[in-house]
């Protein structure tokens, strides 16, 4: 019993310098959007590059949320209907414990509003615009890309 009390009083150094850990460089640069539940398989770069997405960048923006539910079947049916209704990208996101269906990649709030209105007119009365990390492909206007 005395040994337990003595060892409980020993001060512990709990600081760990992350740079001292032997972590492969490839793992240090891996960036995954917080909404994603999968590691991207395409667009991977070689060793020495700093990001895994070759042409897209994740930036702060907005998406239209159509539904948030714990019923995966309902979420999948809403996703399918949304793909038929909207020309924008549709995302089925699992954010424990809910499945969320979101539409679009909008940089500005005012750009998202017409899609929100379209959703409300077409059977999604609770559709609303939410802040979200979005996929944004940078265009080089100088070269016409």
C-alpha atoms as a PDB file:
ATOM      1  CA  UNK A   1       0.000   0.000   0.000  1.00  0.00           C
ATOM      2  CA  UNK A   2       2.836   2.382   0.850  1.00  0.00           C
ATOM      3  CA  UNK A   3       4.435   1.748  -2.573  1.00  0.00           C
ATOM      4  CA  UNK A   4       1.186   2.743  -4.319  1.00  0.00           C
ATOM      5  CA  UNK A   5       1.017   5.997  -2.372  1.00  0.00           C
ATOM      6  CA  UNK A   6       4.647   6.829  -3.115  1.00  0.00           C
ATOM      7  CA  UNK A   7       4.350   6.191  -6.864  1.00  0.00           C
ATOM      8  CA  UNK A   8       1.156   8.244  -7.019  1.00  0.00           C
ATOM      9  CA  UNK A   9       3.110  11.282  -5.835  1.00  0.00           C
ATOM     10  CA  UNK A  10       5.743  11.148  -8.609  1.00  0.00           C
ATOM     11  CA  UNK A  11       5.323  14.093 -10.970  1.00  0.00           C
ATOM     12  CA  UNK A  12       4.860  13.061 -14.589  1.00  0.00           C
ATOM     13  CA  UNK A  13       6.083  15.019 -17.595  1.00  0.00           C
ATOM     14  CA  UNK A  14       3.073  14.896 -19.944  1.00  0.00           C
ATOM     15  CA  UNK A  15       4.453  17.130 -22.696  1.00  0.00           C
ATOM     16  CA  UNK A  16       5.129  15.376 -25.992  1.00  0.00           C
ATOM     17  CA  UNK A  17       6.841  17.214 -28.798  1.00  0.00           C
ATOM     18  CA  UNK A  18       5.007  16.065 -31.965  1.00  0.00           C
ATOM     19  CA  UNK A  19       8.141  16.698 -34.031  1.00  0.00           C
ATOM     20  CA  UNK A  20      10.020  14.098 -31.970  1.00  0.00           C
ATOM     21  CA  UNK A  21       7.605  11.329 -32.973  1.00  0.00           C
ATOM     22  CA  UNK A  22       8.638   9.048 -35.804  1.00  0.00           C
ATOM     23  CA  UNK A  23       5.661   9.777 -38.117  1.00  0.00           C
ATOM     24  CA  UNK A  24       6.100   9.216 -41.863  1.00  0.00           C
ATOM     25  CA  UNK A  25       5.990  12.468 -43.872  1.00  0.00           C
ATOM     26  CA  UNK A  26       3.057  11.190 -45.950  1.00  0.00           C
ATOM     27  CA  UNK A  27       0.851  11.108 -42.859  1.00  0.00           C
ATOM     28  CA  UNK A  28       1.813  14.607 -41.744  1.00  0.00           C
ATOM     29  CA  UNK A  29       0.403  16.263 -44.880  1.00  0.00           C
ATOM     30  CA  UNK A  30      -2.837  14.283 -45.207  1.00  0.00           C
ATOM     31  CA  UNK A  31      -5.814  16.668 -45.053  1.00  0.00           C
ATOM     32  CA  UNK A  32      -9.382  15.340 -45.085  1.00  0.00           C
ATOM     33  CA  UNK A  33     -12.464  17.632 -44.971  1.00  0.00           C
ATOM     34  CA  UNK A  34     -14.288  17.310 -41.660  1.00  0.00           C
ATOM     35  CA  UNK A  35     -17.525  16.324 -43.413  1.00  0.00           C
ATOM     36  CA  UNK A  36     -15.922  13.453 -45.272  1.00  0.00           C
ATOM     37  CA  UNK A  37     -16.177   9.913 -43.987  1.00  0.00           C
ATOM     38  CA  UNK A  38     -13.885   8.467 -46.661  1.00  0.00           C
ATOM     39  CA  UNK A  39     -10.260   9.023 -47.583  1.00  0.00           C
ATOM     40  CA  UNK A  40     -10.085  10.329 -51.151  1.00  0.00           C
ATOM     41  CA  UNK A  41      -8.618   7.760 -53.536  1.00  0.00           C
ATOM     42  CA  UNK A  42      -8.128   9.943 -56.607  1.00  0.00           C
ATOM     43  CA  UNK A  43      -5.862  12.920 -57.001  1.00  0.00           C
ATOM     44  CA  UNK A  44      -3.178  11.569 -54.677  1.00  0.00           C
ATOM     45  CA  UNK A  45       0.182  13.186 -55.135  1.00  0.00           C
ATOM     46  CA  UNK A  46       3.621  11.745 -54.804  1.00  0.00           C
ATOM     47  CA  UNK A  47       5.973  11.985 -51.877  1.00  0.00           C
ATOM     48  CA  UNK A  48       7.149  15.493 -51.103  1.00  0.00           C
ATOM     49  CA  UNK A  49       3.962  17.263 -52.214  1.00  0.00           C
ATOM     50  CA  UNK A  50       1.916  19.062 -49.598  1.00  0.00           C
ATOM     51  CA  UNK A  51      -1.685  18.095 -50.282  1.00  0.00           C
ATOM     52  CA  UNK A  52      -3.667  15.144 -51.599  1.00  0.00           C
ATOM     53  CA  UNK A  53      -6.171  17.004 -53.772  1.00  0.00           C
ATOM     54  CA  UNK A  54      -4.611  17.858 -57.089  1.00  0.00           C
ATOM     55  CA  UNK A  55      -7.051  20.431 -58.477  1.00  0.00           C
ATOM     56  CA  UNK A  56      -9.598  21.150 -55.777  1.00  0.00           C
ATOM     57  CA  UNK A  57      -9.285  23.119 -52.607  1.00  0.00           C
ATOM     58  CA  UNK A  58     -11.605  22.982 -49.602  1.00  0.00           C
ATOM     59  CA  UNK A  59     -12.694  26.435 -48.510  1.00  0.00           C
ATOM     60  CA  UNK A  60     -15.347  27.891 -46.233  1.00  0.00           C
ATOM     61  CA  UNK A  61     -18.649  28.288 -48.019  1.00  0.00           C
ATOM     62  CA  UNK A  62     -22.265  27.131 -47.956  1.00  0.00           C
ATOM     63  CA  UNK A  63     -24.449  24.170 -48.872  1.00  0.00           C
ATOM     64  CA  UNK A  64     -28.196  23.621 -48.777  1.00  0.00           C
ATOM     65  CA  UNK A  65     -29.191  20.995 -46.214  1.00  0.00           C
ATOM     66  CA  UNK A  66     -32.293  19.087 -47.262  1.00  0.00           C
ATOM     67  CA  UNK A  67     -32.588  16.630 -44.385  1.00  0.00           C
ATOM     68  CA  UNK A  68     -30.865  15.438 -41.227  1.00  0.00           C
ATOM     69  CA  UNK A  69     -32.033  12.013 -40.058  1.00  0.00           C
ATOM     70  CA  UNK A  70     -30.900   8.878 -38.278  1.00  0.00           C
ATOM     71  CA  UNK A  71     -32.748   6.771 -40.882  1.00  0.00           C
ATOM     72  CA  UNK A  72     -30.211   5.804 -43.544  1.00  0.00           C
ATOM     73  CA  UNK A  73     -32.971   4.619 -45.904  1.00  0.00           C
ATOM     74  CA  UNK A  74     -34.686   7.992 -45.790  1.00  0.00           C
ATOM     75  CA  UNK A  75     -31.376   9.789 -46.337  1.00  0.00           C
ATOM     76  CA  UNK A  76     -30.593   7.639 -49.378  1.00  0.00           C
ATOM     77  CA  UNK A  77     -34.022   8.244 -50.925  1.00  0.00           C
ATOM     78  CA  UNK A  78     -33.683  12.009 -50.384  1.00  0.00           C
ATOM     79  CA  UNK A  79     -30.211  11.849 -51.933  1.00  0.00           C
ATOM     80  CA  UNK A  80     -31.574  10.074 -55.032  1.00  0.00           C
ATOM     81  CA  UNK A  81     -34.419  12.580 -55.408  1.00  0.00           C
ATOM     82  CA  UNK A  82     -31.998  15.478 -54.977  1.00  0.00           C
ATOM     83  CA  UNK A  83     -29.737  14.123 -57.725  1.00  0.00           C
ATOM     84  CA  UNK A  84     -32.736  14.155 -60.079  1.00  0.00           C
ATOM     85  CA  UNK A  85     -33.847  17.662 -59.060  1.00  0.00           C
ATOM     86  CA  UNK A  86     -30.625  19.654 -58.782  1.00  0.00           C
ATOM     87  CA  UNK A  87     -27.800  20.302 -61.225  1.00  0.00           C
ATOM     88  CA  UNK A  88     -25.400  20.980 -58.318  1.00  0.00           C
ATOM     89  CA  UNK A  89     -23.414  18.263 -56.554  1.00  0.00           C
ATOM     90  CA  UNK A  90     -25.330  16.288 -53.895  1.00  0.00           C
ATOM     91  CA  UNK A  91     -23.640  14.971 -50.748  1.00  0.00           C
ATOM     92  CA  UNK A  92     -24.746  12.271 -48.310  1.00  0.00           C
ATOM     93  CA  UNK A  93     -22.783  12.938 -45.125  1.00  0.00           C
ATOM     94  CA  UNK A  94     -22.688  10.813 -41.995  1.00  0.00           C
ATOM     95  CA  UNK A  95     -22.205  13.051 -38.964  1.00  0.00           C
ATOM     96  CA  UNK A  96     -22.831  10.750 -35.994  1.00  0.00           C
ATOM     97  CA  UNK A  97     -25.598   9.978 -35.276  1.00  0.00           C
ATOM     98  CA  UNK A  98     -27.251  11.661 -38.275  1.00  0.00           C
ATOM     99  CA  UNK A  99     -27.184  11.295 -42.033  1.00  0.00           C
ATOM    100  CA  UNK A 100     -27.354  14.656 -43.784  1.00  0.00           C
ATOM    101  CA  UNK A 101     -28.140  15.362 -47.417  1.00  0.00           C
ATOM    102  CA  UNK A 102     -26.646  18.599 -48.710  1.00  0.00           C
ATOM    103  CA  UNK A 103     -26.550  20.255 -52.110  1.00  0.00           C
ATOM    104  CA  UNK A 104     -24.074  22.559 -53.810  1.00  0.00           C
ATOM    105  CA  UNK A 105     -20.776  24.337 -53.284  1.00  0.00           C
ATOM    106  CA  UNK A 106     -21.468  28.049 -52.841  1.00  0.00           C
ATOM    107  CA  UNK A 107     -18.830  30.623 -51.946  1.00  0.00           C
ATOM    108  CA  UNK A 108     -21.362  33.277 -50.930  1.00  0.00           C
ATOM    109  CA  UNK A 109     -24.606  33.053 -48.977  1.00  0.00           C
ATOM    110  CA  UNK A 110     -26.551  35.017 -51.588  1.00  0.00           C
ATOM    111  CA  UNK A 111     -25.479  32.546 -54.295  1.00  0.00           C
ATOM    112  CA  UNK A 112     -27.014  29.673 -52.290  1.00  0.00           C
ATOM    113  CA  UNK A 113     -30.440  31.284 -51.796  1.00  0.00           C
ATOM    114  CA  UNK A 114     -31.936  30.432 -55.240  1.00  0.00           C
ATOM    115  CA  UNK A 115     -31.117  26.751 -54.699  1.00  0.00           C
ATOM    116  CA  UNK A 116     -32.626  26.901 -51.209  1.00  0.00           C
ATOM    117  CA  UNK A 117     -35.828  28.391 -52.694  1.00  0.00           C
ATOM    118  CA  UNK A 118     -35.912  25.703 -55.392  1.00  0.00           C
ATOM    119  CA  UNK A 119     -35.591  23.005 -52.731  1.00  0.00           C
ATOM    120  CA  UNK A 120     -38.437  24.469 -50.665  1.00  0.00           C
ATOM    121  CA  UNK A 121     -40.719  24.689 -53.722  1.00  0.00           C
ATOM    122  CA  UNK A 122     -39.983  21.064 -54.631  1.00  0.00           C
ATOM    123  CA  UNK A 123     -40.832  19.146 -51.494  1.00  0.00           C
ATOM    124  CA  UNK A 124     -38.131  20.147 -49.005  1.00  0.00           C
ATOM    125  CA  UNK A 125     -39.907  22.786 -46.873  1.00  0.00           C
ATOM    126  CA  UNK A 126     -37.228  22.679 -44.162  1.00  0.00           C
ATOM    127  CA  UNK A 127     -34.290  23.164 -46.518  1.00  0.00           C
ATOM    128  CA  UNK A 128     -31.843  25.721 -45.195  1.00  0.00           C
ATOM    129  CA  UNK A 129     -28.421  27.101 -45.996  1.00  0.00           C
ATOM    130  CA  UNK A 130     -25.628  25.900 -43.726  1.00  0.00           C
ATOM    131  CA  UNK A 131     -21.989  26.965 -43.441  1.00  0.00           C
ATOM    132  CA  UNK A 132     -19.836  24.157 -44.765  1.00  0.00           C
ATOM    133  CA  UNK A 133     -16.405  23.359 -46.110  1.00  0.00           C
ATOM    134  CA  UNK A 134     -16.941  23.207 -49.844  1.00  0.00           C
ATOM    135  CA  UNK A 135     -15.031  21.877 -52.819  1.00  0.00           C
ATOM    136  CA  UNK A 136     -13.723  24.767 -54.835  1.00  0.00           C
ATOM    137  CA  UNK A 137     -11.760  24.348 -58.031  1.00  0.00           C
ATOM    138  CA  UNK A 138      -9.489  27.299 -58.587  1.00  0.00           C
ATOM    139  CA  UNK A 139      -9.685  28.604 -62.142  1.00  0.00           C
ATOM    140  CA  UNK A 140      -6.840  30.418 -63.826  1.00  0.00           C
ATOM    141  CA  UNK A 141      -8.666  33.067 -65.837  1.00  0.00           C
ATOM    142  CA  UNK A 142      -5.480  34.365 -67.411  1.00  0.00           C
ATOM    143  CA  UNK A 143      -4.942  31.112 -69.276  1.00  0.00           C
ATOM    144  CA  UNK A 144      -8.632  30.444 -69.856  1.00  0.00           C
ATOM    145  CA  UNK A 145      -8.682  27.309 -67.730  1.00  0.00           C
END
